[in-house]
Structures are given as C-alpha cells and as structure tokens.
Amino acid sequence: LGAVIRGSTPHFEYVAGECAKGIAQ
C-alpha cells in the first residue's frame, strides 16, 4: 500500500515505476 502523487518533476515516474517493478519481481 502506498501513494505516489505526480508533481512537477520526473520524480513520480521513477518512484512509481521502480515500486511497481520491484513488487512484481
């Protein structure tokens, strides 16, 4: 469970992507 909220920088993509990929792995 978590919440990643898009901001004005690319930080969102990195955090959301790595979280999803890591959980799937």
PDB file of all heavy atoms in Angstrom:
ATOM      1  N   LEU A   1       0.841  -1.200   0.000  1.00  0.00           N
ATOM      2  CA  LEU A   1       0.000   0.000   0.000  1.00  0.00           C
ATOM      3  C   LEU A   1       0.875   1.249   0.000  1.00  0.00           C
ATOM      4  O   LEU A   1       1.812   1.347   0.793  1.00  0.00           O
ATOM      5  CB  LEU A   1      -0.901   0.016   1.238  1.00  0.00           C
ATOM      6  CG  LEU A   1      -1.822  -1.192   1.427  1.00  0.00           C
ATOM      7  CD1 LEU A   1      -2.561  -1.081   2.752  1.00  0.00           C
ATOM      8  CD2 LEU A   1      -2.790  -1.327   0.271  1.00  0.00           C
ATOM      9  N   GLY A   2       0.559   2.176  -0.864  1.00  0.00           N
ATOM     10  CA  GLY A   2       1.308   3.419  -0.927  1.00  0.00           C
ATOM     11  C   GLY A   2       0.570   4.430  -1.784  1.00  0.00           C
ATOM     12  O   GLY A   2      -0.469   4.121  -2.384  1.00  0.00           O
ATOM     13  N   ALA A   3       1.121   5.621  -1.852  1.00  0.00           N
ATOM     14  CA  ALA A   3       0.526   6.673  -2.676  1.00  0.00           C
ATOM     15  C   ALA A   3       1.637   7.518  -3.284  1.00  0.00           C
ATOM     16  O   ALA A   3       2.424   8.131  -2.565  1.00  0.00           O
ATOM     17  CB  ALA A   3      -0.404   7.550  -1.843  1.00  0.00           C
ATOM     18  N   VAL A   4       1.689   7.506  -4.611  1.00  0.00           N
ATOM     19  CA  VAL A   4       2.646   8.321  -5.342  1.00  0.00           C
ATOM     20  C   VAL A   4       1.822   9.328  -6.141  1.00  0.00           C
ATOM     21  O   VAL A   4       1.035   8.940  -7.011  1.00  0.00           O
ATOM     22  CB  VAL A   4       3.525   7.477  -6.288  1.00  0.00           C
ATOM     23  CG1 VAL A   4       4.604   8.336  -6.928  1.00  0.00           C
ATOM     24  CG2 VAL A   4       4.147   6.304  -5.545  1.00  0.00           C
ATOM     25  N   ILE A   5       1.995  10.594  -5.799  1.00  0.00           N
ATOM     26  CA  ILE A   5       1.208  11.658  -6.426  1.00  0.00           C
ATOM     27  C   ILE A   5       2.117  12.469  -7.339  1.00  0.00           C
ATOM     28  O   ILE A   5       3.174  12.946  -6.909  1.00  0.00           O
ATOM     29  CB  ILE A   5       0.548  12.556  -5.354  1.00  0.00           C
ATOM     30  CG1 ILE A   5      -0.337  11.689  -4.431  1.00  0.00           C
ATOM     31  CG2 ILE A   5      -0.255  13.672  -6.014  1.00  0.00           C
ATOM     32  CD1 ILE A   5      -0.872  12.415  -3.212  1.00  0.00           C
ATOM     33  N   ARG A   6       1.693  12.611  -8.591  1.00  0.00           N
ATOM     34  CA  ARG A   6       2.504  13.312  -9.593  1.00  0.00           C
ATOM     35  C   ARG A   6       2.773  14.759  -9.160  1.00  0.00           C
ATOM     36  O   ARG A   6       1.898  15.440  -8.661  1.00  0.00           O
ATOM     37  CB  ARG A   6       1.803  13.310 -10.945  1.00  0.00           C
ATOM     38  CG  ARG A   6       2.665  13.868 -12.061  1.00  0.00           C
ATOM     39  CD  ARG A   6       1.953  13.871 -13.401  1.00  0.00           C
ATOM     40  NE  ARG A   6       1.507  12.553 -13.810  1.00  0.00           N
ATOM     41  CZ  ARG A   6       2.285  11.652 -14.409  1.00  0.00           C
ATOM     42  NH1 ARG A   6       3.554  11.920 -14.643  1.00  0.00           N
ATOM     43  NH2 ARG A   6       1.794  10.479 -14.767  1.00  0.00           N
ATOM     44  N   GLY A   7       4.002  15.169  -9.349  1.00  0.00           N
ATOM     45  CA  GLY A   7       4.391  16.550  -9.080  1.00  0.00           C
ATOM     46  C   GLY A   7       4.874  17.187 -10.368  1.00  0.00           C
ATOM     47  O   GLY A   7       4.563  16.723 -11.470  1.00  0.00           O
ATOM     48  N   SER A   8       5.678  18.214 -10.249  1.00  0.00           N
ATOM     49  CA  SER A   8       6.134  18.948 -11.430  1.00  0.00           C
ATOM     50  C   SER A   8       7.491  18.466 -11.950  1.00  0.00           C
ATOM     51  O   SER A   8       8.048  19.052 -12.865  1.00  0.00           O
ATOM     52  CB  SER A   8       6.202  20.444 -11.104  1.00  0.00           C
ATOM     53  OG  SER A   8       7.074  20.652 -10.009  1.00  0.00           O
ATOM     54  N   THR A   9       8.020  17.386 -11.359  1.00  0.00           N
ATOM     55  CA  THR A   9       9.309  16.847 -11.798  1.00  0.00           C
ATOM     56  C   THR A   9       9.135  15.378 -12.203  1.00  0.00           C
ATOM     57  O   THR A   9       8.101  14.772 -11.909  1.00  0.00           O
ATOM     58  CB  THR A   9      10.356  16.925 -10.657  1.00  0.00           C
ATOM     59  OG1 THR A   9       9.971  16.013  -9.624  1.00  0.00           O
ATOM     60  CG2 THR A   9      10.472  18.337 -10.105  1.00  0.00           C
ATOM     61  N   PRO A  10      10.141  14.784 -12.842  1.00  0.00           N
ATOM     62  CA  PRO A  10      10.043  13.373 -13.243  1.00  0.00           C
ATOM     63  C   PRO A  10      10.126  12.379 -12.085  1.00  0.00           C
ATOM     64  O   PRO A  10      10.044  11.179 -12.312  1.00  0.00           O
ATOM     65  CB  PRO A  10      11.236  13.170 -14.187  1.00  0.00           C
ATOM     66  CG  PRO A  10      11.862  14.485 -14.398  1.00  0.00           C
ATOM     67  CD  PRO A  10      11.319  15.440 -13.381  1.00  0.00           C
ATOM     68  N   HIS A  11      10.277  12.862 -10.875  1.00  0.00           N
ATOM     69  CA  HIS A  11      10.398  12.007  -9.694  1.00  0.00           C
ATOM     70  C   HIS A  11       9.275  10.960  -9.640  1.00  0.00           C
ATOM     71  O   HIS A  11       9.508   9.800  -9.296  1.00  0.00           O
ATOM     72  CB  HIS A  11      10.384  12.883  -8.434  1.00  0.00           C
ATOM     73  CG  HIS A  11      10.610  12.136  -7.162  1.00  0.00           C
ATOM     74  ND1 HIS A  11      11.829  11.629  -6.796  1.00  0.00           N
ATOM     75  CD2 HIS A  11       9.753  11.811  -6.162  1.00  0.00           C
ATOM     76  CE1 HIS A  11      11.729  11.029  -5.626  1.00  0.00           C
ATOM     77  NE2 HIS A  11      10.474  11.123  -5.226  1.00  0.00           N
ATOM     78  N   PHE A  12       8.063  11.353  -9.985  1.00  0.00           N
ATOM     79  CA  PHE A  12       6.898  10.468  -9.970  1.00  0.00           C
ATOM     80  C   PHE A  12       7.151   9.195 -10.777  1.00  0.00           C
ATOM     81  O   PHE A  12       6.891   8.094 -10.310  1.00  0.00           O
ATOM     82  CB  PHE A  12       5.681  11.216 -10.537  1.00  0.00           C
ATOM     83  CG  PHE A  12       4.476  10.352 -10.782  1.00  0.00           C
ATOM     84  CD1 PHE A  12       3.535  10.160  -9.780  1.00  0.00           C
ATOM     85  CD2 PHE A  12       4.257   9.755 -12.017  1.00  0.00           C
ATOM     86  CE1 PHE A  12       2.411   9.371 -10.005  1.00  0.00           C
ATOM     87  CE2 PHE A  12       3.145   8.976 -12.247  1.00  0.00           C
ATOM     88  CZ  PHE A  12       2.216   8.783 -11.238  1.00  0.00           C
ATOM     89  N   GLU A  13       7.653   9.359 -11.999  1.00  0.00           N
ATOM     90  CA  GLU A  13       7.871   8.208 -12.881  1.00  0.00           C
ATOM     91  C   GLU A  13       8.885   7.232 -12.281  1.00  0.00           C
ATOM     92  O   GLU A  13       8.699   6.020 -12.345  1.00  0.00           O
ATOM     93  CB  GLU A  13       8.330   8.640 -14.275  1.00  0.00           C
ATOM     94  CG  GLU A  13       7.209   9.136 -15.172  1.00  0.00           C
ATOM     95  CD  GLU A  13       6.810  10.582 -14.914  1.00  0.00           C
ATOM     96  OE1 GLU A  13       7.556  11.300 -14.195  1.00  0.00           O
ATOM     97  OE2 GLU A  13       5.753  10.984 -15.408  1.00  0.00           O
ATOM     98  N   TYR A  14       9.947   7.761 -11.708  1.00  0.00           N
ATOM     99  CA  TYR A  14      10.975   6.899 -11.123  1.00  0.00           C
ATOM    100  C   TYR A  14      10.425   6.116  -9.933  1.00  0.00           C
ATOM    101  O   TYR A  14      10.617   4.900  -9.838  1.00  0.00           O
ATOM    102  CB  TYR A  14      12.197   7.706 -10.691  1.00  0.00           C
ATOM    103  CG  TYR A  14      12.905   8.377 -11.841  1.00  0.00           C
ATOM    104  CD1 TYR A  14      12.960   9.753 -11.934  1.00  0.00           C
ATOM    105  CD2 TYR A  14      13.501   7.616 -12.847  1.00  0.00           C
ATOM    106  CE1 TYR A  14      13.606  10.367 -13.001  1.00  0.00           C
ATOM    107  CE2 TYR A  14      14.145   8.218 -13.914  1.00  0.00           C
ATOM    108  CZ  TYR A  14      14.190   9.596 -13.990  1.00  0.00           C
ATOM    109  OH  TYR A  14      14.813  10.202 -15.043  1.00  0.00           O
ATOM    110  N   VAL A  15       9.779   6.800  -9.033  1.00  0.00           N
ATOM    111  CA  VAL A  15       9.276   6.145  -7.828  1.00  0.00           C
ATOM    112  C   VAL A  15       8.181   5.139  -8.179  1.00  0.00           C
ATOM    113  O   VAL A  15       8.230   3.982  -7.753  1.00  0.00           O
ATOM    114  CB  VAL A  15       8.760   7.181  -6.801  1.00  0.00           C
ATOM    115  CG1 VAL A  15       8.064   6.494  -5.634  1.00  0.00           C
ATOM    116  CG2 VAL A  15       9.902   8.042  -6.302  1.00  0.00           C
ATOM    117  N   ALA A  16       7.202   5.558  -8.965  1.00  0.00           N
ATOM    118  CA  ALA A  16       6.096   4.665  -9.314  1.00  0.00           C
ATOM    119  C   ALA A  16       6.588   3.456 -10.107  1.00  0.00           C
ATOM    120  O   ALA A  16       6.198   2.314  -9.830  1.00  0.00           O
ATOM    121  CB  ALA A  16       5.032   5.423 -10.103  1.00  0.00           C
ATOM    122  N   GLY A  17       7.461   3.697 -11.067  1.00  0.00           N
ATOM    123  CA  GLY A  17       7.962   2.609 -11.905  1.00  0.00           C
ATOM    124  C   GLY A  17       8.785   1.599 -11.137  1.00  0.00           C
ATOM    125  O   GLY A  17       8.603   0.380 -11.283  1.00  0.00           O
ATOM    126  N   GLU A  18       9.701   2.083 -10.317  1.00  0.00           N
ATOM    127  CA  GLU A  18      10.547   1.164  -9.542  1.00  0.00           C
ATOM    128  C   GLU A  18       9.746   0.408  -8.492  1.00  0.00           C
ATOM    129  O   GLU A  18      10.020  -0.767  -8.230  1.00  0.00           O
ATOM    130  CB  GLU A  18      11.713   1.917  -8.900  1.00  0.00           C
ATOM    131  CG  GLU A  18      12.724   2.428  -9.910  1.00  0.00           C
ATOM    132  CD  GLU A  18      13.289   1.330 -10.803  1.00  0.00           C
ATOM    133  OE1 GLU A  18      13.711   0.276 -10.278  1.00  0.00           O
ATOM    134  OE2 GLU A  18      13.302   1.514 -12.025  1.00  0.00           O
ATOM    135  N   CYS A  19       8.767   1.058  -7.908  1.00  0.00           N
ATOM    136  CA  CYS A  19       7.916   0.387  -6.931  1.00  0.00           C
ATOM    137  C   CYS A  19       7.158  -0.758  -7.602  1.00  0.00           C
ATOM    138  O   CYS A  19       7.173  -1.897  -7.111  1.00  0.00           O
ATOM    139  CB  CYS A  19       6.945   1.399  -6.315  1.00  0.00           C
ATOM    140  SG  CYS A  19       5.794   0.679  -5.122  1.00  0.00           S
ATOM    141  N   ALA A  20       6.521  -0.473  -8.722  1.00  0.00           N
ATOM    142  CA  ALA A  20       5.746  -1.497  -9.427  1.00  0.00           C
ATOM    143  C   ALA A  20       6.635  -2.642  -9.897  1.00  0.00           C
ATOM    144  O   ALA A  20       6.303  -3.819  -9.728  1.00  0.00           O
ATOM    145  CB  ALA A  20       5.005  -0.874 -10.607  1.00  0.00           C
ATOM    146  N   LYS A  21       7.780  -2.290 -10.475  1.00  0.00           N
ATOM    147  CA  LYS A  21       8.689  -3.322 -10.971  1.00  0.00           C
ATOM    148  C   LYS A  21       9.212  -4.193  -9.825  1.00  0.00           C
ATOM    149  O   LYS A  21       9.261  -5.415  -9.935  1.00  0.00           O
ATOM    150  CB  LYS A  21       9.851  -2.666 -11.718  1.00  0.00           C
ATOM    151  CG  LYS A  21      10.811  -3.664 -12.349  1.00  0.00           C
ATOM    152  CD  LYS A  21      11.807  -3.023 -13.296  1.00  0.00           C
ATOM    153  CE  LYS A  21      12.610  -1.951 -12.633  1.00  0.00           C
ATOM    154  NZ  LYS A  21      13.687  -1.410 -13.497  1.00  0.00           N
ATOM    155  N   GLY A  22       9.590  -3.565  -8.729  1.00  0.00           N
ATOM    156  CA  GLY A  22      10.115  -4.311  -7.585  1.00  0.00           C
ATOM    157  C   GLY A  22       9.086  -5.245  -6.976  1.00  0.00           C
ATOM    158  O   GLY A  22       9.398  -6.395  -6.639  1.00  0.00           O
ATOM    159  N   ILE A  23       7.865  -4.790  -6.853  1.00  0.00           N
ATOM    160  CA  ILE A  23       6.801  -5.623  -6.296  1.00  0.00           C
ATOM    161  C   ILE A  23       6.545  -6.828  -7.200  1.00  0.00           C
ATOM    162  O   ILE A  23       6.404  -7.956  -6.735  1.00  0.00           O
ATOM    163  CB  ILE A  23       5.525  -4.793  -6.070  1.00  0.00           C
ATOM    164  CG1 ILE A  23       5.739  -3.822  -4.892  1.00  0.00           C
ATOM    165  CG2 ILE A  23       4.313  -5.686  -5.831  1.00  0.00           C
ATOM    166  CD1 ILE A  23       4.658  -2.784  -4.746  1.00  0.00           C
ATOM    167  N   ALA A  24       6.514  -6.596  -8.509  1.00  0.00           N
ATOM    168  CA  ALA A  24       6.304  -7.702  -9.454  1.00  0.00           C
ATOM    169  C   ALA A  24       7.441  -8.717  -9.363  1.00  0.00           C
ATOM    170  O   ALA A  24       7.209  -9.931  -9.401  1.00  0.00           O
ATOM    171  CB  ALA A  24       6.179  -7.157 -10.874  1.00  0.00           C
ATOM    172  N   GLN A  25       8.672  -8.240  -9.223  1.00  0.00           N
ATOM    173  CA  GLN A  25       9.813  -9.152  -9.114  1.00  0.00           C
ATOM    174  C   GLN A  25       9.714 -10.022  -7.871  1.00  0.00           C
ATOM    175  O   GLN A  25      10.004 -11.220  -7.920  1.00  0.00           O
ATOM    176  CB  GLN A  25      11.128  -8.360  -9.099  1.00  0.00           C
ATOM    177  CG  GLN A  25      11.502  -7.795 -10.441  1.00  0.00           C
ATOM    178  CD  GLN A  25      12.744  -6.907 -10.371  1.00  0.00           C
ATOM    179  OE1 GLN A  25      13.161  -6.473  -9.302  1.00  0.00           O
ATOM    180  NE2 GLN A  25      13.315  -6.628 -11.528  1.00  0.00           N
TER     181      GLN A  25
END
